[in-house]
Amino acid sequence: MSDDALLTRIEKLEERSAFQEHTIEELSDAITDQWKLIDKLKREVGRLTDELKEVGDNMAQGAGREPPPPHY
C-alpha cells in the first residue's frame, strides 16, 4: 500500500471517528434532556395526583353538609 493511499485511509478513519464522537455527544445530550423532562413530568403528575386526591377527599367530606340548590 502506498503512503498516499495509507494517508487517505487514515484521514477517512479520523473523519469517521470525529463524526461518530460528535453524534454520540449529541445523543447523550438528548438523553440527558429527556431524563430531565421525564423527572419534571413525574413530579408534576405526583403533585396533580395529590391535588386530585385532596379535592376528592374534600368533596366526600363536604357532600353531606351542603344543602341542595333551591330548585330541587
N, C-alpha and C. Protein backbone atom coordinates (compact mmCIF):
# COMPACT_ATOMS: atom_id res chain seq x y z
N MET A 1 0.85 -1.17 0.00
CA MET A 1 0.00 0.00 0.00
C MET A 1 0.90 1.23 0.00
N SER A 2 0.59 2.18 -0.85
CA SER A 2 1.43 3.37 -0.95
C SER A 2 1.15 4.31 0.23
N ASP A 3 2.08 5.21 0.41
CA ASP A 3 1.96 6.17 1.51
C ASP A 3 0.72 7.06 1.33
N ASP A 4 0.45 7.46 0.09
CA ASP A 4 -0.71 8.31 -0.18
C ASP A 4 -2.01 7.58 0.13
N ALA A 5 -2.09 6.33 -0.27
CA ALA A 5 -3.30 5.54 -0.02
C ALA A 5 -3.48 5.33 1.47
N LEU A 6 -2.38 5.08 2.16
CA LEU A 6 -2.45 4.88 3.61
C LEU A 6 -2.89 6.16 4.31
N LEU A 7 -2.34 7.29 3.91
CA LEU A 7 -2.73 8.57 4.50
C LEU A 7 -4.20 8.88 4.22
N THR A 8 -4.66 8.59 3.02
CA THR A 8 -6.07 8.81 2.68
C THR A 8 -6.97 7.94 3.54
N ARG A 9 -6.57 6.70 3.72
CA ARG A 9 -7.35 5.78 4.55
C ARG A 9 -7.39 6.26 6.00
N ILE A 10 -6.27 6.70 6.51
CA ILE A 10 -6.21 7.20 7.90
C ILE A 10 -7.08 8.45 8.06
N GLU A 11 -7.03 9.34 7.09
CA GLU A 11 -7.85 10.55 7.14
C GLU A 11 -9.34 10.21 7.16
N LYS A 12 -9.74 9.26 6.32
CA LYS A 12 -11.15 8.84 6.31
C LYS A 12 -11.56 8.24 7.65
N LEU A 13 -10.68 7.44 8.23
CA LEU A 13 -10.99 6.85 9.54
C LEU A 13 -11.09 7.92 10.62
N GLU A 14 -10.21 8.92 10.55
CA GLU A 14 -10.26 10.01 11.52
C GLU A 14 -11.54 10.83 11.36
N GLU A 15 -11.94 11.08 10.12
CA GLU A 15 -13.20 11.80 9.88
C GLU A 15 -14.39 11.02 10.41
N ARG A 16 -14.40 9.73 10.16
CA ARG A 16 -15.49 8.89 10.64
C ARG A 16 -15.52 8.87 12.17
N SER A 17 -14.36 8.77 12.77
CA SER A 17 -14.28 8.75 14.23
C SER A 17 -14.78 10.08 14.81
N ALA A 18 -14.39 11.19 14.22
CA ALA A 18 -14.83 12.50 14.70
C ALA A 18 -16.34 12.65 14.55
N PHE A 19 -16.88 12.19 13.43
CA PHE A 19 -18.32 12.26 13.20
C PHE A 19 -19.06 11.42 14.24
N GLN A 20 -18.55 10.23 14.50
CA GLN A 20 -19.19 9.35 15.49
C GLN A 20 -19.12 9.94 16.89
N GLU A 21 -18.01 10.54 17.25
CA GLU A 21 -17.89 11.18 18.56
C GLU A 21 -18.90 12.32 18.68
N HIS A 22 -19.03 13.11 17.64
CA HIS A 22 -19.98 14.22 17.64
C HIS A 22 -21.42 13.70 17.79
N THR A 23 -21.73 12.65 17.06
CA THR A 23 -23.07 12.06 17.12
C THR A 23 -23.35 11.51 18.51
N ILE A 24 -22.38 10.84 19.10
CA ILE A 24 -22.53 10.29 20.46
C ILE A 24 -22.78 11.41 21.46
N GLU A 25 -22.06 12.51 21.34
CA GLU A 25 -22.27 13.65 22.24
C GLU A 25 -23.68 14.22 22.08
N GLU A 26 -24.14 14.36 20.84
CA GLU A 26 -25.49 14.87 20.61
C GLU A 26 -26.54 13.94 21.19
N LEU A 27 -26.36 12.64 21.01
CA LEU A 27 -27.32 11.68 21.57
C LEU A 27 -27.30 11.70 23.09
N SER A 28 -26.12 11.83 23.66
CA SER A 28 -26.01 11.90 25.12
C SER A 28 -26.73 13.14 25.65
N ASP A 29 -26.55 14.26 24.98
CA ASP A 29 -27.24 15.49 25.39
C ASP A 29 -28.76 15.33 25.28
N ALA A 30 -29.21 14.69 24.20
CA ALA A 30 -30.64 14.49 24.01
C ALA A 30 -31.20 13.59 25.11
N ILE A 31 -30.49 12.55 25.45
CA ILE A 31 -30.94 11.64 26.52
C ILE A 31 -30.98 12.36 27.85
N THR A 32 -29.98 13.17 28.14
CA THR A 32 -29.96 13.93 29.38
C THR A 32 -31.15 14.88 29.46
N ASP A 33 -31.44 15.57 28.37
CA ASP A 33 -32.60 16.47 28.33
C ASP A 33 -33.90 15.70 28.53
N GLN A 34 -34.00 14.53 27.92
CA GLN A 34 -35.21 13.73 28.07
C GLN A 34 -35.38 13.25 29.51
N TRP A 35 -34.31 12.83 30.16
CA TRP A 35 -34.42 12.40 31.56
C TRP A 35 -34.84 13.55 32.47
N LYS A 36 -34.31 14.75 32.20
CA LYS A 36 -34.72 15.91 32.99
C LYS A 36 -36.22 16.17 32.81
N LEU A 37 -36.69 16.08 31.57
CA LEU A 37 -38.10 16.30 31.30
C LEU A 37 -38.95 15.21 31.95
N ILE A 38 -38.51 13.96 31.88
CA ILE A 38 -39.25 12.86 32.50
C ILE A 38 -39.34 13.07 34.00
N ASP A 39 -38.24 13.46 34.64
CA ASP A 39 -38.27 13.72 36.08
C ASP A 39 -39.23 14.84 36.42
N LYS A 40 -39.20 15.91 35.63
CA LYS A 40 -40.11 17.04 35.86
C LYS A 40 -41.57 16.59 35.72
N LEU A 41 -41.85 15.80 34.67
CA LEU A 41 -43.22 15.34 34.45
C LEU A 41 -43.67 14.38 35.55
N LYS A 42 -42.76 13.55 36.05
CA LYS A 42 -43.11 12.65 37.16
C LYS A 42 -43.50 13.44 38.40
N ARG A 43 -42.72 14.49 38.69
CA ARG A 43 -43.05 15.33 39.85
C ARG A 43 -44.40 16.02 39.65
N GLU A 44 -44.64 16.51 38.44
CA GLU A 44 -45.91 17.19 38.15
C GLU A 44 -47.09 16.23 38.27
N VAL A 45 -46.95 15.02 37.75
CA VAL A 45 -48.02 14.03 37.86
C VAL A 45 -48.27 13.68 39.32
N GLY A 46 -47.20 13.55 40.10
CA GLY A 46 -47.36 13.27 41.53
C GLY A 46 -48.09 14.40 42.24
N ARG A 47 -47.72 15.63 41.91
CA ARG A 47 -48.38 16.79 42.52
C ARG A 47 -49.85 16.84 42.14
N LEU A 48 -50.15 16.61 40.87
CA LEU A 48 -51.54 16.64 40.42
C LEU A 48 -52.35 15.49 41.03
N THR A 49 -51.72 14.34 41.19
CA THR A 49 -52.39 13.21 41.83
C THR A 49 -52.75 13.55 43.27
N ASP A 50 -51.81 14.17 43.98
CA ASP A 50 -52.07 14.57 45.36
C ASP A 50 -53.20 15.60 45.42
N GLU A 51 -53.16 16.57 44.50
CA GLU A 51 -54.21 17.59 44.46
C GLU A 51 -55.57 16.98 44.19
N LEU A 52 -55.62 16.08 43.23
CA LEU A 52 -56.87 15.43 42.88
C LEU A 52 -57.41 14.61 44.04
N LYS A 53 -56.54 13.92 44.74
CA LYS A 53 -56.97 13.15 45.91
C LYS A 53 -57.52 14.08 46.99
N GLU A 54 -56.85 15.21 47.18
CA GLU A 54 -57.30 16.18 48.18
C GLU A 54 -58.68 16.73 47.81
N VAL A 55 -58.88 17.05 46.55
CA VAL A 55 -60.18 17.56 46.10
C VAL A 55 -61.25 16.50 46.31
N GLY A 56 -60.93 15.26 45.97
CA GLY A 56 -61.88 14.17 46.17
C GLY A 56 -62.22 13.98 47.63
N ASP A 57 -61.22 14.05 48.50
CA ASP A 57 -61.46 13.93 49.93
C ASP A 57 -62.33 15.07 50.44
N ASN A 58 -62.05 16.28 49.98
CA ASN A 58 -62.83 17.45 50.40
C ASN A 58 -64.28 17.33 49.92
N MET A 59 -64.48 16.81 48.73
CA MET A 59 -65.84 16.65 48.21
C MET A 59 -66.59 15.59 49.02
N ALA A 60 -65.90 14.53 49.38
CA ALA A 60 -66.55 13.46 50.15
C ALA A 60 -66.93 13.96 51.54
N GLN A 61 -66.09 14.77 52.13
CA GLN A 61 -66.37 15.29 53.47
C GLN A 61 -67.47 16.35 53.44
N GLY A 62 -67.49 17.15 52.39
CA GLY A 62 -68.44 18.26 52.33
C GLY A 62 -69.75 17.88 51.67
N ALA A 63 -69.89 16.71 51.15
CA ALA A 63 -71.10 16.33 50.42
C ALA A 63 -72.31 16.29 51.33
N GLY A 64 -72.17 15.87 52.56
CA GLY A 64 -73.30 15.78 53.48
C GLY A 64 -73.67 17.11 54.08
N ARG A 65 -72.79 18.07 54.09
CA ARG A 65 -73.03 19.34 54.76
C ARG A 65 -73.76 20.35 53.87
N GLU A 66 -73.53 20.32 52.59
CA GLU A 66 -74.08 21.34 51.70
C GLU A 66 -75.51 20.99 51.32
N PRO A 67 -76.44 21.93 51.55
CA PRO A 67 -77.84 21.66 51.18
C PRO A 67 -77.99 21.69 49.67
N PRO A 68 -78.99 21.00 49.15
CA PRO A 68 -79.17 21.02 47.70
C PRO A 68 -79.59 22.41 47.23
N PRO A 69 -79.37 22.70 45.98
CA PRO A 69 -79.77 24.01 45.44
C PRO A 69 -81.29 24.18 45.58
N PRO A 70 -81.76 25.42 45.58
CA PRO A 70 -83.18 25.70 45.80
C PRO A 70 -84.11 25.11 44.74
N HIS A 71 -83.64 24.85 43.56
CA HIS A 71 -84.54 24.35 42.53
C HIS A 71 -84.83 22.85 42.67
N TYR A 72 -84.29 22.19 43.67
CA TYR A 72 -84.58 20.76 43.87
C TYR A 72 -85.75 20.59 44.78
